Amino acid sequence: MTGTMDFALSPEQRLYRDTIRSFVDKEIIPVARDWEHAGRYPAEIVETMQNLGLFGLLVPEDYGGMGADSVSFAVTFEEISRGWMGIAGILGSHSLSCWMIARHGTEQQKDRYLPELASGARRTGIALTEPGAGTDLQGITTTARRDGDHYVVNGTKMWITNARHADPLPVLVKTDPNAAPAHRGMSILLIDAGTPGFQVTRDILKLGYKGPESCEVLLTDVRVRADQLLGGAEGRGMQQALSALETGRINVAARAVGVAQRAYDEALRYATERTAFGQHIGGFQAIQLKIAEMATRVQAARLLTYWAAARLDAGERADTETAMAKVFASETALYCSLESMRVHGGYGYSQEFEVERLYRDAPLMAIGEGTNDVLQTVIARSLLTGRSAVR
């Protein structure tokens, strides 16, 4: 039996990738290092992304968006992260929220929000994590008590990207704190900006992932209309959040591929320019081994990410595959950023070179959308129960 398997992007996907790559090369890479070190919000880059329609990446065409496939979604975040991973964060949280509203929202909610979210006139994010609950979302303590035709929300959310710009902000709450198991009492509310009691209290200082804000959000007796309950039914919030995180792991994996690719690119360039002992350092076997290993891991991570994305596009369950892609790609980003720093030697530790920023950005991918340690147990359980197989 003979056959072929196509690992290449389609002509349309290649054209799209080239458009995003040109945007990154012209408008992000020249300013990323200086703006990141200055803590400057990239407003001009955000405006260009609006003009390119990128805020509508996962919004269906019926609502003015691209309705992009998952592979194109991955390509977007890979290319943008190659330039500046922080920019991808601004778009990533927004895109996941758009996908969740499009998939689970009522017709009224979709009509109200999606067209302006697609154009970038509105922005959004997603508020899941709390000071005492990250990967274990069932441990959240934010509550929403029903009071007539409103919910009254109290709690605190942490590490919220786009918190200062989100309108609305989907917030995971417990509408029934006594439910057992806990996920049956969890729901998502769409909270509009400016609602009394909704307060962004501070920006959290970070090692890397600079550019977008990561904020603490305080919710004090916030009154939210009952028709802002995502999907219109209580008890579905955990399911809604986890379905979005499946797409989110493609987002994080693709970001990691972009960071790893840039780390490799910088190492390769430096190896052909830097001289020592009368020759370019790329002539030394120790450097050659690093370059070869980085290139191999980057391409493996890319193919694994695209494969997981293609599974989503085929409508297949892909929680195991997206977890595999996220774990492997993020570990590749960590590996390549450190090895690139080693190729650069002392200059790799300097803020004058890109590698230092890549080294600070890489760890986030091993933590975000579920830590790698937890996701590896998820993968193992899926394999051991026969729900998924590697073949």
Protein backbone atom coordinates (compact mmCIF):
# COMPACT_ATOMS: atom_id res chain seq x y z
CA MET A 1 0.00 0.00 0.00
CA THR A 2 1.36 3.41 -0.94
CA GLY A 3 0.28 6.86 0.06
CA THR A 4 1.42 10.36 0.90
CA MET A 5 0.94 12.65 3.84
CA ASP A 6 1.00 16.41 3.25
CA PHE A 7 2.90 18.33 5.91
CA ALA A 8 2.98 21.55 3.88
CA LEU A 9 0.88 24.66 4.32
CA SER A 10 -1.72 25.30 1.65
CA PRO A 11 -1.07 28.12 -0.86
CA GLU A 12 -3.56 30.30 1.04
CA GLN A 13 -1.87 29.56 4.35
CA ARG A 14 1.57 30.34 2.90
CA LEU A 15 0.32 33.66 1.54
CA TYR A 16 -1.18 34.48 4.91
CA ARG A 17 2.04 33.51 6.70
CA ASP A 18 4.07 35.71 4.37
CA THR A 19 1.78 38.68 5.11
CA ILE A 20 2.16 38.23 8.87
CA ARG A 21 5.91 37.64 8.52
CA SER A 22 6.34 40.89 6.58
CA PHE A 23 4.38 42.79 9.24
CA VAL A 24 6.57 41.32 11.99
CA ASP A 25 9.81 42.04 10.15
CA LYS A 26 8.88 45.64 9.36
CA GLU A 27 6.95 46.81 12.41
CA ILE A 28 7.74 44.59 15.39
CA ILE A 29 11.35 43.40 15.22
CA PRO A 30 12.89 46.89 14.78
CA VAL A 31 11.30 48.20 18.01
CA ALA A 32 10.74 45.13 20.18
CA ARG A 33 13.93 45.18 22.24
CA ASP A 34 13.85 48.90 23.06
CA TRP A 35 10.11 49.07 23.76
CA GLU A 36 10.21 45.93 25.90
CA HIS A 37 13.05 47.26 28.04
CA ALA A 38 11.28 50.61 28.38
CA GLY A 39 8.02 48.94 29.47
CA ARG A 40 6.26 50.77 26.65
CA TYR A 41 2.79 49.61 25.62
CA PRO A 42 2.87 48.84 21.86
CA ALA A 43 -0.15 50.95 20.87
CA GLU A 44 1.04 51.47 17.29
CA ILE A 45 1.49 47.73 16.73
CA VAL A 46 -1.96 47.06 18.18
CA GLU A 47 -3.43 49.55 15.71
CA THR A 48 -1.76 47.79 12.79
CA MET A 49 -3.11 44.45 14.01
CA GLN A 50 -6.58 46.01 14.02
CA ASN A 51 -6.08 47.20 10.45
CA LEU A 52 -4.95 43.72 9.41
CA GLY A 53 -8.10 42.24 10.93
CA LEU A 54 -6.15 40.08 13.39
CA PHE A 55 -8.50 40.80 16.27
CA GLY A 56 -11.15 38.92 14.30
CA LEU A 57 -8.93 35.87 13.84
CA LEU A 58 -11.34 33.44 15.57
CA VAL A 59 -14.54 35.42 15.03
CA PRO A 60 -16.82 33.75 12.45
CA GLU A 61 -17.14 35.48 9.08
CA ASP A 62 -20.86 36.08 9.72
CA TYR A 63 -19.83 38.52 12.45
CA GLY A 64 -17.09 40.25 10.45
CA GLY A 65 -14.15 38.09 11.45
CA MET A 66 -11.70 35.83 9.60
CA GLY A 67 -13.00 32.53 10.94
CA ALA A 68 -9.43 31.29 10.64
CA ASP A 69 -8.57 27.60 10.76
CA SER A 70 -6.45 26.36 13.66
CA VAL A 71 -3.29 25.93 11.58
CA SER A 72 -3.48 29.56 10.40
CA PHE A 73 -4.13 30.51 14.02
CA ALA A 74 -0.90 28.74 14.99
CA VAL A 75 1.02 30.40 12.16
CA THR A 76 -0.12 33.82 13.39
CA PHE A 77 1.22 33.32 16.90
CA GLU A 78 4.42 31.68 15.74
CA GLU A 79 5.30 34.60 13.49
CA ILE A 80 4.32 37.33 15.95
CA SER A 81 6.22 35.65 18.78
CA ARG A 82 9.27 35.41 16.59
CA GLY A 83 9.24 39.19 16.74
CA TRP A 84 7.95 39.84 20.28
CA MET A 85 6.12 37.26 22.35
CA GLY A 86 4.40 39.93 24.42
CA ILE A 87 2.49 41.16 21.37
CA ALA A 88 1.14 37.65 20.88
CA GLY A 89 -0.24 37.81 24.42
CA ILE A 90 -2.37 40.84 23.60
CA LEU A 91 -3.91 39.00 20.68
CA GLY A 92 -4.00 35.58 22.34
CA SER A 93 -6.27 36.30 25.30
CA HIS A 94 -8.57 38.31 23.03
CA SER A 95 -8.79 35.49 20.50
CA LEU A 96 -9.60 32.82 23.09
CA SER A 97 -12.38 34.95 24.53
CA CYS A 98 -13.79 35.59 21.04
CA TRP A 99 -13.74 31.86 20.31
CA MET A 100 -15.52 31.12 23.58
CA ILE A 101 -18.24 33.71 22.95
CA ALA A 102 -18.69 32.49 19.36
CA ARG A 103 -18.89 28.86 20.45
CA HIS A 104 -20.92 29.15 23.66
CA GLY A 105 -22.61 32.57 23.67
CA THR A 106 -26.29 33.23 23.16
CA GLU A 107 -27.37 34.84 19.90
CA GLN A 108 -27.87 38.10 21.76
CA GLN A 109 -24.35 37.94 23.20
CA LYS A 110 -22.79 37.14 19.83
CA ASP A 111 -24.69 39.92 18.08
CA ARG A 112 -23.77 42.42 20.76
CA TYR A 113 -20.06 41.72 21.07
CA LEU A 114 -18.55 39.80 18.16
CA PRO A 115 -18.68 42.43 15.37
CA GLU A 116 -16.84 45.03 17.45
CA LEU A 117 -14.44 42.43 18.85
CA ALA A 118 -13.62 41.38 15.28
CA SER A 119 -12.75 44.95 14.26
CA GLY A 120 -10.76 45.63 17.42
CA ALA A 121 -13.16 48.43 18.42
CA ARG A 122 -13.66 46.29 21.50
CA ARG A 123 -10.97 44.18 23.13
CA THR A 124 -11.31 41.32 25.55
CA GLY A 125 -9.44 38.77 27.63
CA ILE A 126 -10.32 35.94 29.98
CA ALA A 127 -10.30 35.94 33.80
CA LEU A 128 -9.78 32.47 35.23
CA THR A 129 -6.78 32.47 37.58
CA GLU A 130 -6.96 33.60 41.21
CA PRO A 131 -4.36 34.13 43.96
CA GLY A 132 -5.10 30.62 45.28
CA ALA A 133 -6.19 28.85 42.09
CA GLY A 134 -4.32 28.48 38.81
CA THR A 135 -4.19 25.13 37.08
CA ASP A 136 -6.80 23.82 39.55
CA LEU A 137 -9.69 25.98 38.37
CA GLN A 138 -12.19 24.13 40.55
CA GLY A 139 -10.43 25.80 43.48
CA ILE A 140 -11.59 29.33 42.59
CA THR A 141 -13.42 31.28 45.28
CA THR A 142 -14.98 34.10 43.23
CA THR A 143 -18.75 33.87 43.68
CA ALA A 144 -21.78 35.17 41.80
CA ARG A 145 -24.95 35.25 43.91
CA ARG A 146 -28.27 35.57 42.07
CA ASP A 147 -30.27 38.63 43.11
CA GLY A 148 -33.37 39.07 40.98
CA ASP A 149 -32.35 39.69 37.37
CA HIS A 150 -28.70 40.27 38.35
CA TYR A 151 -25.73 38.39 39.75
CA VAL A 152 -23.65 39.97 42.52
CA VAL A 153 -19.98 39.06 42.02
CA ASN A 154 -17.23 39.09 44.66
CA GLY A 155 -13.66 37.86 44.36
CA THR A 156 -10.17 38.50 43.01
CA LYS A 157 -8.56 37.45 39.73
CA MET A 158 -4.81 37.43 39.00
CA TRP A 159 -2.51 37.49 35.96
CA ILE A 160 -5.23 38.86 33.68
CA THR A 161 -3.92 39.95 30.28
CA ASN A 162 -5.81 42.84 28.65
CA ALA A 163 -7.58 43.61 31.94
CA ARG A 164 -7.31 47.38 31.39
CA HIS A 165 -8.68 47.10 27.85
CA ALA A 166 -11.23 44.27 28.09
CA ASP A 167 -14.86 45.11 27.34
CA PRO A 168 -16.34 42.66 28.12
CA LEU A 169 -14.16 40.50 30.37
CA PRO A 170 -15.38 36.89 30.72
CA VAL A 171 -14.97 35.95 34.40
CA LEU A 172 -15.13 32.40 35.78
CA VAL A 173 -17.26 32.35 38.94
CA LYS A 174 -19.06 29.95 41.23
CA THR A 175 -22.81 30.40 40.89
CA ASP A 176 -23.28 27.46 43.27
CA PRO A 177 -20.35 27.31 45.73
CA ASN A 178 -21.77 24.19 47.37
CA ALA A 179 -22.04 22.09 44.21
CA ALA A 180 -20.37 18.67 44.21
CA PRO A 181 -18.32 18.14 42.16
CA ALA A 182 -17.35 21.81 42.17
CA HIS A 183 -17.34 22.23 38.37
CA ARG A 184 -21.12 21.77 38.27
CA GLY A 185 -21.53 25.04 40.12
CA MET A 186 -19.20 27.11 37.90
CA SER A 187 -20.28 29.64 35.27
CA ILE A 188 -18.81 32.44 33.16
CA LEU A 189 -20.16 36.00 33.27
CA LEU A 190 -19.40 38.65 30.65
CA ILE A 191 -18.62 41.78 32.68
CA ASP A 192 -18.62 45.09 30.84
CA ALA A 193 -15.89 47.66 31.42
CA GLY A 194 -16.88 50.40 33.82
CA THR A 195 -19.29 48.27 35.82
CA PRO A 196 -19.31 49.61 39.42
CA GLY A 197 -17.19 47.48 41.75
CA PHE A 198 -14.98 46.17 38.92
CA GLN A 199 -11.47 47.45 39.63
CA VAL A 200 -8.08 46.75 38.07
CA THR A 201 -5.93 47.27 41.15
CA ARG A 202 -2.36 46.82 39.92
CA ASP A 203 -0.04 45.59 37.21
CA ILE A 204 2.03 42.58 38.24
CA LEU A 205 5.76 42.96 37.58
CA LYS A 206 7.20 40.05 35.60
CA LEU A 207 10.52 38.54 34.56
CA GLY A 208 9.50 38.63 30.90
CA TYR A 209 6.31 38.78 28.82
CA LYS A 210 6.43 42.56 28.87
CA GLY A 211 4.39 44.85 26.65
CA PRO A 212 0.95 43.53 27.61
CA GLU A 213 -0.25 44.18 31.13
CA SER A 214 -0.86 41.32 33.56
CA CYS A 215 -3.18 42.61 36.25
CA GLU A 216 -4.94 41.89 39.49
CA VAL A 217 -8.69 42.45 39.23
CA LEU A 218 -10.84 43.08 42.31
CA LEU A 219 -14.59 42.40 42.11
CA THR A 220 -16.60 43.94 44.94
CA ASP A 221 -20.39 43.56 44.84
CA VAL A 222 -20.32 43.85 41.05
CA ARG A 223 -23.87 43.67 39.71
CA VAL A 224 -24.04 41.86 36.39
CA ARG A 225 -27.27 41.35 34.44
CA ALA A 226 -28.41 37.74 34.24
CA ASP A 227 -28.41 37.90 30.43
CA GLN A 228 -24.60 38.29 30.64
CA LEU A 229 -24.29 34.66 31.74
CA LEU A 230 -22.34 33.02 28.91
CA GLY A 231 -24.68 30.68 27.05
CA GLY A 232 -27.61 31.53 29.30
CA ALA A 233 -27.34 28.48 31.59
CA GLU A 234 -25.55 28.06 34.90
CA GLY A 235 -23.06 25.27 35.60
CA ARG A 236 -21.33 25.20 32.22
CA GLY A 237 -18.44 27.56 32.96
CA MET A 238 -15.78 24.92 33.54
CA GLN A 239 -16.66 23.14 30.31
CA GLN A 240 -16.62 26.46 28.42
CA ALA A 241 -13.26 27.46 29.88
CA LEU A 242 -11.60 24.10 29.22
CA SER A 243 -12.80 24.04 25.61
CA ALA A 244 -11.18 27.45 25.11
CA LEU A 245 -7.96 26.26 26.75
CA GLU A 246 -7.68 23.47 24.18
CA THR A 247 -7.32 26.19 21.54
CA GLY A 248 -5.20 28.13 24.03
CA ARG A 249 -2.62 25.36 24.14
CA ILE A 250 -2.19 25.70 20.37
CA ASN A 251 -1.69 29.43 20.97
CA VAL A 252 1.02 28.82 23.61
CA ALA A 253 2.71 26.06 21.62
CA ALA A 254 2.89 28.30 18.56
CA ARG A 255 4.28 31.17 20.64
CA ALA A 256 6.95 28.81 21.93
CA VAL A 257 7.85 27.77 18.38
CA GLY A 258 8.24 31.44 17.46
CA VAL A 259 10.55 32.14 20.42
CA ALA A 260 12.57 28.99 19.69
CA GLN A 261 12.85 29.91 16.01
CA ARG A 262 14.13 33.40 16.86
CA ALA A 263 16.64 31.99 19.36
CA TYR A 264 17.92 29.63 16.68
CA ASP A 265 18.03 32.43 14.07
CA GLU A 266 20.06 34.64 16.39
CA ALA A 267 22.48 31.81 17.22
CA LEU A 268 22.95 30.94 13.55
CA ARG A 269 23.59 34.56 12.60
CA TYR A 270 26.04 35.10 15.43
CA ALA A 271 27.92 31.87 14.58
CA THR A 272 28.58 33.20 11.08
CA GLU A 273 29.71 36.66 12.27
CA ARG A 274 31.66 36.15 15.48
CA THR A 275 35.31 35.14 15.07
CA ALA A 276 37.63 33.44 17.54
CA PHE A 277 41.05 31.90 17.08
CA GLY A 278 41.12 33.08 13.48
CA GLN A 279 37.80 31.69 12.24
CA HIS A 280 34.03 32.08 12.57
CA ILE A 281 32.82 30.25 15.64
CA GLY A 282 30.43 28.28 13.43
CA GLY A 283 33.50 26.38 12.28
CA PHE A 284 33.90 24.80 15.70
CA GLN A 285 32.20 21.46 16.23
CA ALA A 286 30.85 22.46 19.66
CA ILE A 287 28.87 25.30 18.06
CA GLN A 288 27.81 23.15 15.11
CA LEU A 289 26.27 20.58 17.47
CA LYS A 290 24.25 23.29 19.21
CA ILE A 291 23.01 24.73 15.91
CA ALA A 292 22.01 21.30 14.58
CA GLU A 293 20.17 20.33 17.76
CA MET A 294 18.29 23.62 17.95
CA ALA A 295 17.18 23.42 14.31
CA THR A 296 15.97 19.85 14.73
CA ARG A 297 13.97 20.60 17.88
CA VAL A 298 12.38 23.72 16.39
CA GLN A 299 11.16 21.85 13.34
CA ALA A 300 9.87 18.96 15.45
CA ALA A 301 7.98 21.40 17.69
CA ARG A 302 6.50 23.17 14.68
CA LEU A 303 5.27 19.95 13.07
CA LEU A 304 3.79 18.71 16.36
CA THR A 305 1.97 22.02 16.82
CA TYR A 306 0.59 22.05 13.28
CA TRP A 307 -0.47 18.41 13.65
CA ALA A 308 -2.40 19.16 16.84
CA ALA A 309 -3.98 22.20 15.17
CA ALA A 310 -4.99 20.08 12.18
CA ARG A 311 -6.72 17.66 14.54
CA LEU A 312 -8.84 20.52 15.84
CA ASP A 313 -9.64 21.58 12.27
CA ALA A 314 -10.79 18.03 11.54
CA GLY A 315 -13.28 18.31 14.40
CA GLU A 316 -11.55 15.59 16.41
CA ARG A 317 -10.98 15.57 20.15
CA ALA A 318 -7.47 16.90 20.59
CA ASP A 319 -6.88 17.56 24.29
CA THR A 320 -4.02 15.05 24.40
CA GLU A 321 -2.48 16.26 21.16
CA THR A 322 -2.63 19.94 22.08
CA ALA A 323 -1.11 19.12 25.47
CA MET A 324 1.73 17.24 23.76
CA ALA A 325 2.38 20.16 21.43
CA LYS A 326 2.33 22.69 24.25
CA VAL A 327 4.69 20.67 26.46
CA PHE A 328 7.21 19.85 23.74
CA ALA A 329 7.23 23.27 22.11
CA SER A 330 7.62 25.12 25.40
CA GLU A 331 10.49 22.90 26.48
CA THR A 332 12.05 23.54 23.07
CA ALA A 333 11.76 27.29 23.63
CA LEU A 334 13.50 26.95 27.00
CA TYR A 335 16.23 24.80 25.48
CA CYS A 336 16.87 26.99 22.46
CA SER A 337 16.91 30.26 24.38
CA LEU A 338 19.57 28.91 26.75
CA GLU A 339 21.63 27.30 24.00
CA SER A 340 21.47 30.48 21.93
CA MET A 341 22.73 32.41 24.96
CA ARG A 342 25.62 29.97 25.23
CA VAL A 343 26.47 30.43 21.56
CA HIS A 344 26.57 34.19 22.16
CA GLY A 345 28.75 33.83 25.23
CA GLY A 346 28.95 36.99 27.31
CA TYR A 347 27.00 39.00 24.75
CA GLY A 348 24.01 36.71 25.24
CA TYR A 349 23.72 38.09 28.77
CA SER A 350 23.62 41.67 27.54
CA GLN A 351 20.42 43.62 27.00
CA GLU A 352 21.91 44.90 23.76
CA PHE A 353 21.23 41.51 22.14
CA GLU A 354 17.87 39.82 21.52
CA VAL A 355 18.78 36.58 23.27
CA GLU A 356 18.46 38.03 26.76
CA ARG A 357 14.79 38.91 26.11
CA LEU A 358 14.05 35.51 24.58
CA TYR A 359 15.57 33.82 27.62
CA ARG A 360 13.22 35.78 29.90
CA ASP A 361 10.15 35.17 27.74
CA ALA A 362 10.58 31.41 27.28
CA PRO A 363 9.64 30.21 30.81
CA LEU A 364 6.08 31.57 30.54
CA MET A 365 5.18 28.98 27.91
CA ALA A 366 6.08 26.15 30.29
CA ILE A 367 3.64 27.63 32.85
CA GLY A 368 0.77 29.14 30.85
CA GLU A 369 -2.38 27.16 29.89
CA GLY A 370 -1.49 24.50 32.46
CA THR A 371 2.00 23.79 33.75
CA ASN A 372 3.98 21.20 31.84
CA ASP A 373 4.13 18.93 34.88
CA VAL A 374 0.34 18.84 35.13
CA LEU A 375 -0.15 18.46 31.39
CA GLN A 376 2.21 15.49 31.29
CA THR A 377 -0.01 13.72 33.82
CA VAL A 378 -3.02 14.59 31.64
CA ILE A 379 -1.27 13.05 28.63
CA ALA A 380 -0.32 9.95 30.60
CA ARG A 381 -3.86 9.40 31.91
CA SER A 382 -5.25 9.71 28.40
CA LEU A 383 -2.82 7.09 27.13
CA LEU A 384 -3.27 4.73 30.07
CA THR A 385 -7.07 4.78 29.81
CA GLY A 386 -6.97 4.21 26.07
CA ARG A 387 -8.78 7.48 25.33
CA SER A 388 -5.91 8.44 23.05
CA ALA A 389 -3.07 6.58 21.39
CA VAL A 390 0.25 7.47 19.80
CA ARG A 391 0.49 5.84 16.40
